[in-house]
Amino acid sequence: MVYAVGVSLYRILVRMKGITKIGLFDSGLGGLTVLQALEKRLPGVPKIYYGDTLHLPYGDKSDAAIISYSIKIVSFLQSEGCDLVVIACNSASAAAGKVLETKFPDLTFINVIDPVVTALAKGPYKTVGLLGTRATVRSGAYPRKLEAMNPSINLCALATPLLVPLIEDGFVGSGIEFQVLKHYLDDPSLEGIEAVVPGCTHYPLLEDAASSLLEGVDWIDAPAIVAEAVALECKNPTREVPKTTFYLSDKTSSFMELAAKTFGIVTDWTTKVLD
């Protein structure tokens, strides 16, 4: 009890002092959708992005493996001066979120599940579809948290494992994404939904395709919701010359080309393998 109070007090003092640097991590390209939203919302706060491409995708990994990867990455981000860490991956948020909060009590964490669930609980929808990785759907994090906040909402979760490799291999815009997405959206479990949650940070890149396939169904802007949650934690952000540093655990030309094509990110990606 004394320990918990001490941790809470420390976090309050950190927030009062102001966030000096934000760290984000994902298994690959998807977390850049969150970074993009954060750059719009908090352009004056320095950021570090770590893409764990060596272990892509997290969605097919065990919880134990995801936790192990996440602890190493957060340790690195902390050593680089980050005092707020965005777990920019739904699979890592579900599997490792609580573990990270316990192991790194001096850091502030924002995962990508809780802000979206809070928005859904307060929103107008009664039946919502969730597209997610196997790990995210297996965790039951979304329905469990939503049930606790607003039991009147029916959440239909569907594992969509083909979407991450499709995006990482650069097939968005090829037409193939429509076929794969239609296969999933035609699943009977999603019948009657009023909105779709992209339950993987890669999936916002499929918004245009999904909107053309789902007439009258809203697409939840998860990255913007998460960015707003981060902004609430950064009540007194340090204003500096904007600088974002990029790291990968496995640097490939195909990844850098895709980051440039999709997000306009043309930069030196530093290779950093974490032991």
Protein backbone atom coordinates (compact mmCIF):
# COMPACT_ATOMS: atom_id res chain seq x y z
CA MET A 1 0.00 0.00 0.00
CA VAL A 2 2.80 2.43 0.94
CA TYR A 3 4.66 1.45 -2.25
CA ALA A 4 1.58 2.12 -4.40
CA VAL A 5 1.04 5.54 -2.84
CA GLY A 6 4.71 6.39 -3.37
CA VAL A 7 4.56 5.41 -7.03
CA SER A 8 1.39 7.45 -7.57
CA LEU A 9 2.97 10.50 -5.93
CA TYR A 10 6.10 10.13 -8.07
CA ARG A 11 4.02 10.02 -11.25
CA ILE A 12 2.11 13.13 -10.22
CA LEU A 13 5.41 14.98 -9.65
CA VAL A 14 6.69 13.85 -13.07
CA ARG A 15 3.56 15.20 -14.75
CA MET A 16 3.88 18.50 -12.91
CA LYS A 17 7.47 18.83 -14.09
CA GLY A 18 6.42 18.15 -17.67
CA ILE A 19 7.05 15.40 -20.18
CA THR A 20 10.45 15.89 -21.83
CA LYS A 21 10.49 13.03 -24.34
CA ILE A 22 7.96 10.51 -25.64
CA GLY A 23 8.93 6.98 -26.64
CA LEU A 24 6.81 4.78 -28.88
CA PHE A 25 7.28 1.18 -29.95
CA ASP A 26 5.64 -1.37 -32.19
CA SER A 27 6.71 -4.48 -34.04
CA GLY A 28 6.97 -2.57 -37.30
CA LEU A 29 5.15 -0.07 -39.46
CA GLY A 30 1.84 0.14 -37.60
CA GLY A 31 2.99 2.27 -34.70
CA LEU A 32 3.82 5.02 -37.18
CA THR A 33 0.07 5.70 -37.46
CA VAL A 34 0.16 6.67 -33.77
CA LEU A 35 3.37 8.66 -34.22
CA GLN A 36 1.77 10.54 -37.10
CA ALA A 37 -1.20 11.50 -34.92
CA LEU A 38 1.14 12.51 -32.09
CA GLU A 39 3.23 14.73 -34.37
CA LYS A 40 0.05 16.64 -35.20
CA ARG A 41 -1.14 16.86 -31.59
CA LEU A 42 2.19 17.44 -29.79
CA PRO A 43 4.66 18.69 -32.40
CA GLY A 44 6.95 20.37 -29.86
CA VAL A 45 7.77 17.28 -27.81
CA PRO A 46 10.83 15.19 -28.84
CA LYS A 47 10.05 11.58 -29.67
CA ILE A 48 11.80 8.26 -30.19
CA TYR A 49 10.24 5.52 -32.31
CA TYR A 50 11.41 1.91 -32.02
CA GLY A 51 10.23 -0.63 -34.58
CA ASP A 52 10.98 -4.20 -33.53
CA THR A 53 11.04 -5.51 -37.10
CA LEU A 54 13.26 -8.41 -36.09
CA HIS A 55 10.28 -9.93 -34.28
CA LEU A 56 7.47 -8.82 -36.61
CA PRO A 57 4.58 -9.50 -36.21
CA TYR A 58 3.80 -9.51 -32.49
CA GLY A 59 0.26 -10.69 -33.18
CA ASP A 60 1.40 -14.26 -33.80
CA LYS A 61 3.75 -14.42 -30.80
CA SER A 62 3.09 -15.81 -27.32
CA ASP A 63 2.39 -13.43 -24.45
CA ALA A 64 5.70 -14.43 -22.85
CA ALA A 65 7.64 -13.48 -25.98
CA ILE A 66 5.83 -10.15 -26.36
CA ILE A 67 6.49 -9.30 -22.70
CA SER A 68 10.18 -10.12 -23.11
CA TYR A 69 10.54 -7.94 -26.22
CA SER A 70 8.60 -5.09 -24.61
CA ILE A 71 10.68 -5.00 -21.42
CA LYS A 72 13.91 -4.71 -23.43
CA ILE A 73 12.50 -1.95 -25.62
CA VAL A 74 11.16 0.09 -22.71
CA SER A 75 14.49 -0.24 -20.91
CA PHE A 76 16.17 1.20 -24.00
CA LEU A 77 13.64 4.04 -24.35
CA GLN A 78 14.10 4.91 -20.70
CA SER A 79 17.89 4.98 -21.15
CA GLU A 80 17.36 7.44 -24.01
CA GLY A 81 15.52 9.85 -21.71
CA CYS A 82 11.89 9.02 -22.44
CA ASP A 83 9.59 9.66 -19.49
CA LEU A 84 6.34 8.74 -21.25
CA VAL A 85 6.06 5.57 -23.33
CA VAL A 86 3.28 4.84 -25.79
CA ILE A 87 2.78 1.11 -26.31
CA ALA A 88 1.88 1.66 -29.96
CA CYS A 89 0.84 -1.94 -30.53
CA ASN A 90 -2.42 -3.57 -29.52
CA SER A 91 -0.83 -6.99 -29.01
CA ALA A 92 1.85 -5.54 -26.71
CA SER A 93 -0.73 -3.37 -24.92
CA ALA A 94 -2.82 -6.46 -24.16
CA ALA A 95 0.00 -8.83 -23.25
CA ALA A 96 2.57 -6.55 -21.62
CA GLY A 97 0.83 -3.36 -20.51
CA LYS A 98 0.37 -4.22 -16.83
CA VAL A 99 3.76 -5.88 -16.59
CA LEU A 100 5.49 -2.77 -17.93
CA GLU A 101 3.63 -0.46 -15.55
CA THR A 102 4.76 -2.59 -12.62
CA LYS A 103 8.35 -3.03 -13.78
CA PHE A 104 8.87 0.66 -14.68
CA PRO A 105 6.96 2.62 -12.01
CA ASP A 106 8.84 5.83 -12.75
CA LEU A 107 7.53 5.97 -16.33
CA THR A 108 4.12 7.05 -17.57
CA PHE A 109 2.52 4.58 -19.98
CA ILE A 110 -0.25 5.02 -22.53
CA ASN A 111 -1.43 1.87 -24.25
CA VAL A 112 -3.56 1.88 -27.38
CA ILE A 113 -6.50 -0.06 -25.94
CA ASP A 114 -7.72 1.88 -22.89
CA PRO A 115 -8.28 5.27 -24.61
CA VAL A 116 -10.29 3.63 -27.40
CA VAL A 117 -12.38 1.59 -24.96
CA THR A 118 -13.11 4.75 -22.95
CA ALA A 119 -14.23 6.55 -26.12
CA LEU A 120 -16.47 3.63 -27.11
CA ALA A 121 -18.01 3.44 -23.65
CA LYS A 122 -19.04 7.09 -23.90
CA GLY A 123 -20.07 6.93 -27.56
CA PRO A 124 -23.34 6.35 -29.39
CA TYR A 125 -22.68 2.84 -30.74
CA LYS A 126 -24.42 -0.25 -29.38
CA THR A 127 -22.82 -2.85 -31.66
CA VAL A 128 -19.16 -2.50 -32.57
CA GLY A 129 -16.82 -4.67 -34.62
CA LEU A 130 -13.17 -5.16 -33.68
CA LEU A 131 -10.54 -6.26 -36.17
CA GLY A 132 -7.40 -7.44 -34.40
CA THR A 133 -4.43 -9.76 -34.39
CA ARG A 134 -4.69 -13.22 -32.90
CA ALA A 135 -2.89 -12.05 -29.74
CA THR A 136 -5.20 -9.08 -29.21
CA VAL A 137 -8.39 -11.06 -29.78
CA ARG A 138 -7.09 -13.97 -27.68
CA SER A 139 -6.44 -11.64 -24.76
CA GLY A 140 -10.08 -10.57 -24.53
CA ALA A 141 -8.85 -7.14 -23.43
CA TYR A 142 -11.31 -5.08 -25.44
CA PRO A 143 -14.54 -6.88 -24.49
CA ARG A 144 -13.45 -7.26 -20.85
CA LYS A 145 -12.61 -3.58 -20.41
CA LEU A 146 -15.67 -2.41 -22.35
CA GLU A 147 -17.97 -4.67 -20.34
CA ALA A 148 -16.64 -3.08 -17.16
CA MET A 149 -17.30 0.45 -18.43
CA ASN A 150 -20.50 0.02 -20.43
CA PRO A 151 -22.09 -3.45 -20.49
CA SER A 152 -24.80 -2.31 -22.90
CA ILE A 153 -22.38 -2.30 -25.84
CA ASN A 154 -21.96 -5.48 -27.85
CA LEU A 155 -18.39 -5.91 -29.14
CA CYS A 156 -17.79 -8.44 -31.92
CA ALA A 157 -14.06 -9.29 -32.10
CA LEU A 158 -12.55 -10.97 -35.16
CA ALA A 159 -8.95 -12.14 -35.60
CA THR A 160 -7.58 -10.91 -38.94
CA PRO A 161 -4.01 -12.28 -39.16
CA LEU A 162 -3.49 -11.69 -42.88
CA LEU A 163 -3.77 -7.92 -42.65
CA VAL A 164 -0.45 -7.10 -40.96
CA PRO A 165 1.76 -8.99 -43.46
CA LEU A 166 -0.31 -7.53 -46.30
CA ILE A 167 0.44 -4.01 -45.05
CA GLU A 168 4.09 -4.69 -44.18
CA ASP A 169 4.65 -6.17 -47.65
CA GLY A 170 3.37 -2.99 -49.29
CA PHE A 171 0.10 -4.23 -50.78
CA VAL A 172 -2.04 -1.29 -49.63
CA GLY A 173 -3.15 0.43 -52.82
CA SER A 174 -2.66 -2.67 -54.97
CA GLY A 175 -6.30 -3.77 -54.83
CA ILE A 176 -5.43 -6.98 -53.01
CA GLU A 177 -6.27 -5.37 -49.68
CA PHE A 178 -9.92 -5.05 -50.79
CA GLN A 179 -10.21 -8.79 -51.38
CA VAL A 180 -8.62 -9.77 -48.08
CA LEU A 181 -10.53 -7.15 -46.10
CA LYS A 182 -13.83 -8.16 -47.73
CA HIS A 183 -13.18 -11.75 -46.71
CA TYR A 184 -12.99 -10.67 -43.08
CA LEU A 185 -15.76 -8.05 -43.14
CA ASP A 186 -18.16 -10.61 -44.63
CA ASP A 187 -17.82 -12.74 -41.49
CA PRO A 188 -21.28 -13.35 -39.99
CA SER A 189 -20.07 -12.23 -36.55
CA LEU A 190 -19.81 -8.64 -37.84
CA GLU A 191 -23.35 -8.45 -39.15
CA GLY A 192 -25.22 -5.40 -37.86
CA ILE A 193 -22.21 -3.48 -36.55
CA GLU A 194 -22.39 0.32 -36.44
CA ALA A 195 -18.67 1.01 -36.20
CA VAL A 196 -15.32 -0.73 -36.69
CA VAL A 197 -12.35 -0.46 -34.36
CA PRO A 198 -8.94 -1.01 -36.01
CA GLY A 199 -7.59 -3.16 -33.19
CA CYS A 200 -4.06 -3.12 -34.57
CA THR A 201 -2.06 0.03 -35.21
CA HIS A 202 -1.38 -1.17 -38.77
CA TYR A 203 -5.07 -1.22 -39.63
CA PRO A 204 -5.76 2.54 -39.87
CA LEU A 205 -3.94 2.28 -43.19
CA LEU A 206 -6.92 0.26 -44.43
CA GLU A 207 -9.50 2.93 -43.63
CA ASP A 208 -10.19 3.88 -47.25
CA ALA A 209 -10.67 0.27 -48.31
CA ALA A 210 -12.88 -0.50 -45.31
CA SER A 211 -15.03 2.59 -45.85
CA SER A 212 -15.76 1.54 -49.42
CA LEU A 213 -16.77 -1.94 -48.28
CA LEU A 214 -18.86 -0.97 -45.24
CA GLU A 215 -21.62 1.41 -46.21
CA GLY A 216 -23.06 3.27 -43.24
CA VAL A 217 -20.51 1.88 -40.79
CA ASP A 218 -18.18 4.31 -39.01
CA TRP A 219 -14.44 3.80 -38.76
CA ILE A 220 -13.00 4.67 -35.34
CA ASP A 221 -9.94 6.94 -35.58
CA ALA A 222 -7.91 5.08 -32.96
CA PRO A 223 -4.58 6.93 -33.47
CA ALA A 224 -6.24 10.32 -32.90
CA ILE A 225 -7.93 9.03 -29.74
CA VAL A 226 -4.61 7.71 -28.40
CA ALA A 227 -2.81 10.95 -29.27
CA GLU A 228 -5.41 12.90 -27.31
CA ALA A 229 -4.88 10.61 -24.30
CA VAL A 230 -1.14 11.29 -24.49
CA ALA A 231 -1.81 15.04 -24.70
CA LEU A 232 -3.84 14.85 -21.48
CA GLU A 233 -0.79 13.36 -19.73
CA CYS A 234 1.43 16.08 -21.18
CA LYS A 235 -0.24 19.01 -19.45
CA ASN A 236 3.08 20.84 -19.20
CA PRO A 237 5.09 19.53 -22.14
CA THR A 238 8.62 20.75 -22.61
CA ARG A 239 8.76 22.88 -25.76
CA GLU A 240 11.81 22.18 -27.84
CA VAL A 241 12.84 22.12 -31.46
CA PRO A 242 10.85 19.14 -32.78
CA LYS A 243 13.02 16.09 -33.23
CA THR A 244 12.07 12.48 -33.75
CA THR A 245 14.65 9.71 -33.72
CA PHE A 246 13.99 6.38 -35.39
CA TYR A 247 15.33 2.93 -34.50
CA LEU A 248 14.77 -0.54 -35.95
CA SER A 249 15.88 -3.91 -34.65
CA ASP A 250 16.33 -5.07 -38.25
CA LYS A 251 16.81 -2.38 -40.91
CA THR A 252 15.74 -3.34 -44.41
CA SER A 253 15.46 -1.23 -47.54
CA SER A 254 11.88 -2.47 -48.08
CA PHE A 255 10.77 -1.17 -44.67
CA MET A 256 12.40 2.22 -45.17
CA GLU A 257 10.89 2.54 -48.66
CA LEU A 258 7.45 1.70 -47.28
CA ALA A 259 7.81 4.18 -44.42
CA ALA A 260 8.75 6.87 -46.94
CA LYS A 261 5.92 5.98 -49.32
CA THR A 262 3.22 5.62 -46.65
CA PHE A 263 4.19 8.27 -44.10
CA GLY A 264 6.65 10.50 -45.91
CA ILE A 265 9.36 9.52 -43.42
CA VAL A 266 12.73 9.91 -45.10
CA THR A 267 15.36 9.68 -42.40
CA ASP A 268 18.29 7.67 -41.12
CA TRP A 269 16.89 4.63 -39.33
CA THR A 270 19.42 3.45 -36.76
CA THR A 271 19.76 -0.29 -36.26
CA LYS A 272 19.56 -1.19 -32.57
CA VAL A 273 19.38 -4.83 -31.57
CA LEU A 274 18.48 -5.22 -27.90
CA ASP A 275 20.05 -8.04 -25.90
